[in-house]
Amino acid sequence: MTSILSIQNVSRAFYGRGRVVQALSDVSLDLEAGEFLTIVGPSGCGKSTLLNVVSGLMPASEGAVVFKGRPLAGVNHQIGYVTQADNLYPWL
């Protein structure tokens, strides 16, 4: 079976204020069609960064994201995610 989403050796670093923060380092995983994935971990471990890279909202510093057999290039409107915080209605 072919993966619908493949994350291949993805790393993401942020640069600022004279330092480098490595948010993701060499992350790899494959998801098959119909699978359900939950990402859990402590604050600051890179969960949101990974979701932003996979959805195309942020580029990976290294590695590749492949969706339906094609390398991800820009925002992927076929991938979405829901955060734990109530970001959709900030006035609530």
C-alpha atoms as a PDB file:
ATOM      1  CA  MET A   1       0.000   0.000   0.000  1.00  0.00           C
ATOM      2  CA  THR A   2       1.286   3.477  -0.880  1.00  0.00           C
ATOM      3  CA  SER A   3       1.492   6.161   1.780  1.00  0.00           C
ATOM      4  CA  ILE A   4      -0.878   9.084   1.364  1.00  0.00           C
ATOM      5  CA  LEU A   5       1.491  11.245   3.443  1.00  0.00           C
ATOM      6  CA  SER A   6       5.195  10.690   3.846  1.00  0.00           C
ATOM      7  CA  ILE A   7       7.370  12.852   6.096  1.00  0.00           C
ATOM      8  CA  GLN A   8      10.979  12.182   5.168  1.00  0.00           C
ATOM      9  CA  ASN A   9      13.807  13.305   7.453  1.00  0.00           C
ATOM     10  CA  VAL A  10      12.153  16.674   8.141  1.00  0.00           C
ATOM     11  CA  SER A  11      13.987  19.224  10.258  1.00  0.00           C
ATOM     12  CA  ARG A  12      12.981  22.800  11.033  1.00  0.00           C
ATOM     13  CA  ALA A  13      15.120  25.458  12.648  1.00  0.00           C
ATOM     14  CA  PHE A  14      14.234  28.996  13.664  1.00  0.00           C
ATOM     15  CA  TYR A  15      16.819  31.754  13.681  1.00  0.00           C
ATOM     16  CA  GLY A  16      16.637  34.920  15.716  1.00  0.00           C
ATOM     17  CA  ARG A  17      18.265  37.039  18.387  1.00  0.00           C
ATOM     18  CA  GLY A  18      21.648  35.542  17.610  1.00  0.00           C
ATOM     19  CA  ARG A  19      20.646  31.928  18.223  1.00  0.00           C
ATOM     20  CA  VAL A  20      19.196  28.883  16.513  1.00  0.00           C
ATOM     21  CA  VAL A  21      16.273  26.882  17.899  1.00  0.00           C
ATOM     22  CA  GLN A  22      15.954  23.407  16.402  1.00  0.00           C
ATOM     23  CA  ALA A  23      12.194  22.724  16.584  1.00  0.00           C
ATOM     24  CA  LEU A  24      12.271  19.459  14.582  1.00  0.00           C
ATOM     25  CA  SER A  25      15.177  17.165  13.879  1.00  0.00           C
ATOM     26  CA  ASP A  26      15.103  14.302  11.364  1.00  0.00           C
ATOM     27  CA  VAL A  27      11.393  13.413  11.728  1.00  0.00           C
ATOM     28  CA  SER A  28      10.114  10.624   9.481  1.00  0.00           C
ATOM     29  CA  LEU A  29       6.782   8.823   9.279  1.00  0.00           C
ATOM     30  CA  ASP A  30       4.342   7.430   6.739  1.00  0.00           C
ATOM     31  CA  LEU A  31       0.552   7.516   6.928  1.00  0.00           C
ATOM     32  CA  GLU A  32      -1.709   5.250   4.922  1.00  0.00           C
ATOM     33  CA  ALA A  33      -5.118   6.344   3.618  1.00  0.00           C
ATOM     34  CA  GLY A  34      -7.740   6.060   6.374  1.00  0.00           C
ATOM     35  CA  GLU A  35      -5.267   6.171   9.257  1.00  0.00           C
ATOM     36  CA  PHE A  36      -5.861   8.586  12.121  1.00  0.00           C
ATOM     37  CA  LEU A  37      -2.898  10.291  13.776  1.00  0.00           C
ATOM     38  CA  THR A  38      -2.702  12.077  17.097  1.00  0.00           C
ATOM     39  CA  ILE A  39       0.423  14.028  17.998  1.00  0.00           C
ATOM     40  CA  VAL A  40       1.039  14.477  21.710  1.00  0.00           C
ATOM     41  CA  GLY A  41       3.947  15.856  23.698  1.00  0.00           C
ATOM     42  CA  PRO A  42       4.988  18.583  26.086  1.00  0.00           C
ATOM     43  CA  SER A  43       4.809  22.254  25.241  1.00  0.00           C
ATOM     44  CA  GLY A  44       7.608  23.317  22.947  1.00  0.00           C
ATOM     45  CA  CYS A  45       8.431  19.861  21.539  1.00  0.00           C
ATOM     46  CA  GLY A  46       7.561  20.760  17.919  1.00  0.00           C
ATOM     47  CA  LYS A  47       3.985  19.490  17.506  1.00  0.00           C
ATOM     48  CA  SER A  48       2.619  22.686  15.953  1.00  0.00           C
ATOM     49  CA  THR A  49       5.758  23.148  13.891  1.00  0.00           C
ATOM     50  CA  LEU A  50       5.329  19.664  12.410  1.00  0.00           C
ATOM     51  CA  LEU A  51       1.670  20.350  11.593  1.00  0.00           C
ATOM     52  CA  ASN A  52       2.575  23.673   9.977  1.00  0.00           C
ATOM     53  CA  VAL A  53       5.249  22.002   7.836  1.00  0.00           C
ATOM     54  CA  VAL A  54       2.948  19.126   6.811  1.00  0.00           C
ATOM     55  CA  SER A  55       0.140  21.504   5.843  1.00  0.00           C
ATOM     56  CA  GLY A  56       2.535  23.702   3.861  1.00  0.00           C
ATOM     57  CA  LEU A  57       2.132  26.756   6.070  1.00  0.00           C
ATOM     58  CA  MET A  58       5.858  26.664   6.847  1.00  0.00           C
ATOM     59  CA  PRO A  59       8.732  25.152   4.849  1.00  0.00           C
ATOM     60  CA  ALA A  60      10.991  22.475   6.282  1.00  0.00           C
ATOM     61  CA  SER A  61      14.614  23.490   6.765  1.00  0.00           C
ATOM     62  CA  GLU A  62      15.612  20.005   5.592  1.00  0.00           C
ATOM     63  CA  GLY A  63      13.848  16.903   4.341  1.00  0.00           C
ATOM     64  CA  ALA A  64      10.653  16.496   2.357  1.00  0.00           C
ATOM     65  CA  VAL A  65       6.906  16.081   2.724  1.00  0.00           C
ATOM     66  CA  VAL A  66       5.212  13.983   0.047  1.00  0.00           C
ATOM     67  CA  PHE A  67       1.412  14.033  -0.258  1.00  0.00           C
ATOM     68  CA  LYS A  68      -0.350  11.620  -2.616  1.00  0.00           C
ATOM     69  CA  GLY A  69       2.937  10.869  -4.362  1.00  0.00           C
ATOM     70  CA  ARG A  70       3.928  14.481  -4.977  1.00  0.00           C
ATOM     71  CA  PRO A  71       6.379  16.656  -3.056  1.00  0.00           C
ATOM     72  CA  LEU A  72       4.596  19.347  -1.081  1.00  0.00           C
ATOM     73  CA  ALA A  73       5.133  22.802  -2.566  1.00  0.00           C
ATOM     74  CA  GLY A  74       3.220  25.545  -0.788  1.00  0.00           C
ATOM     75  CA  VAL A  75      -0.025  25.393   1.167  1.00  0.00           C
ATOM     76  CA  ASN A  76      -1.891  22.094   0.852  1.00  0.00           C
ATOM     77  CA  HIS A  77      -5.630  22.783   0.977  1.00  0.00           C
ATOM     78  CA  GLN A  78      -6.329  19.057   1.345  1.00  0.00           C
ATOM     79  CA  ILE A  79      -4.681  18.881   4.771  1.00  0.00           C
ATOM     80  CA  GLY A  80      -6.136  20.536   7.843  1.00  0.00           C
ATOM     81  CA  TYR A  81      -5.748  20.216  11.561  1.00  0.00           C
ATOM     82  CA  VAL A  82      -7.479  21.360  14.708  1.00  0.00           C
ATOM     83  CA  THR A  83      -5.517  22.806  17.606  1.00  0.00           C
ATOM     84  CA  GLN A  84      -6.336  22.207  21.242  1.00  0.00           C
ATOM     85  CA  ALA A  85      -6.867  25.916  21.893  1.00  0.00           C
ATOM     86  CA  ASP A  86     -10.092  27.608  20.794  1.00  0.00           C
ATOM     87  CA  ASN A  87      -8.409  29.603  18.021  1.00  0.00           C
ATOM     88  CA  LEU A  88     -11.386  29.663  15.660  1.00  0.00           C
ATOM     89  CA  TYR A  89     -13.499  31.903  17.880  1.00  0.00           C
ATOM     90  CA  PRO A  90     -11.091  34.048  19.944  1.00  0.00           C
ATOM     91  CA  TRP A  91     -13.939  36.075  21.451  1.00  0.00           C
ATOM     92  CA  LEU A  92     -15.430  33.007  23.196  1.00  0.00           C
END
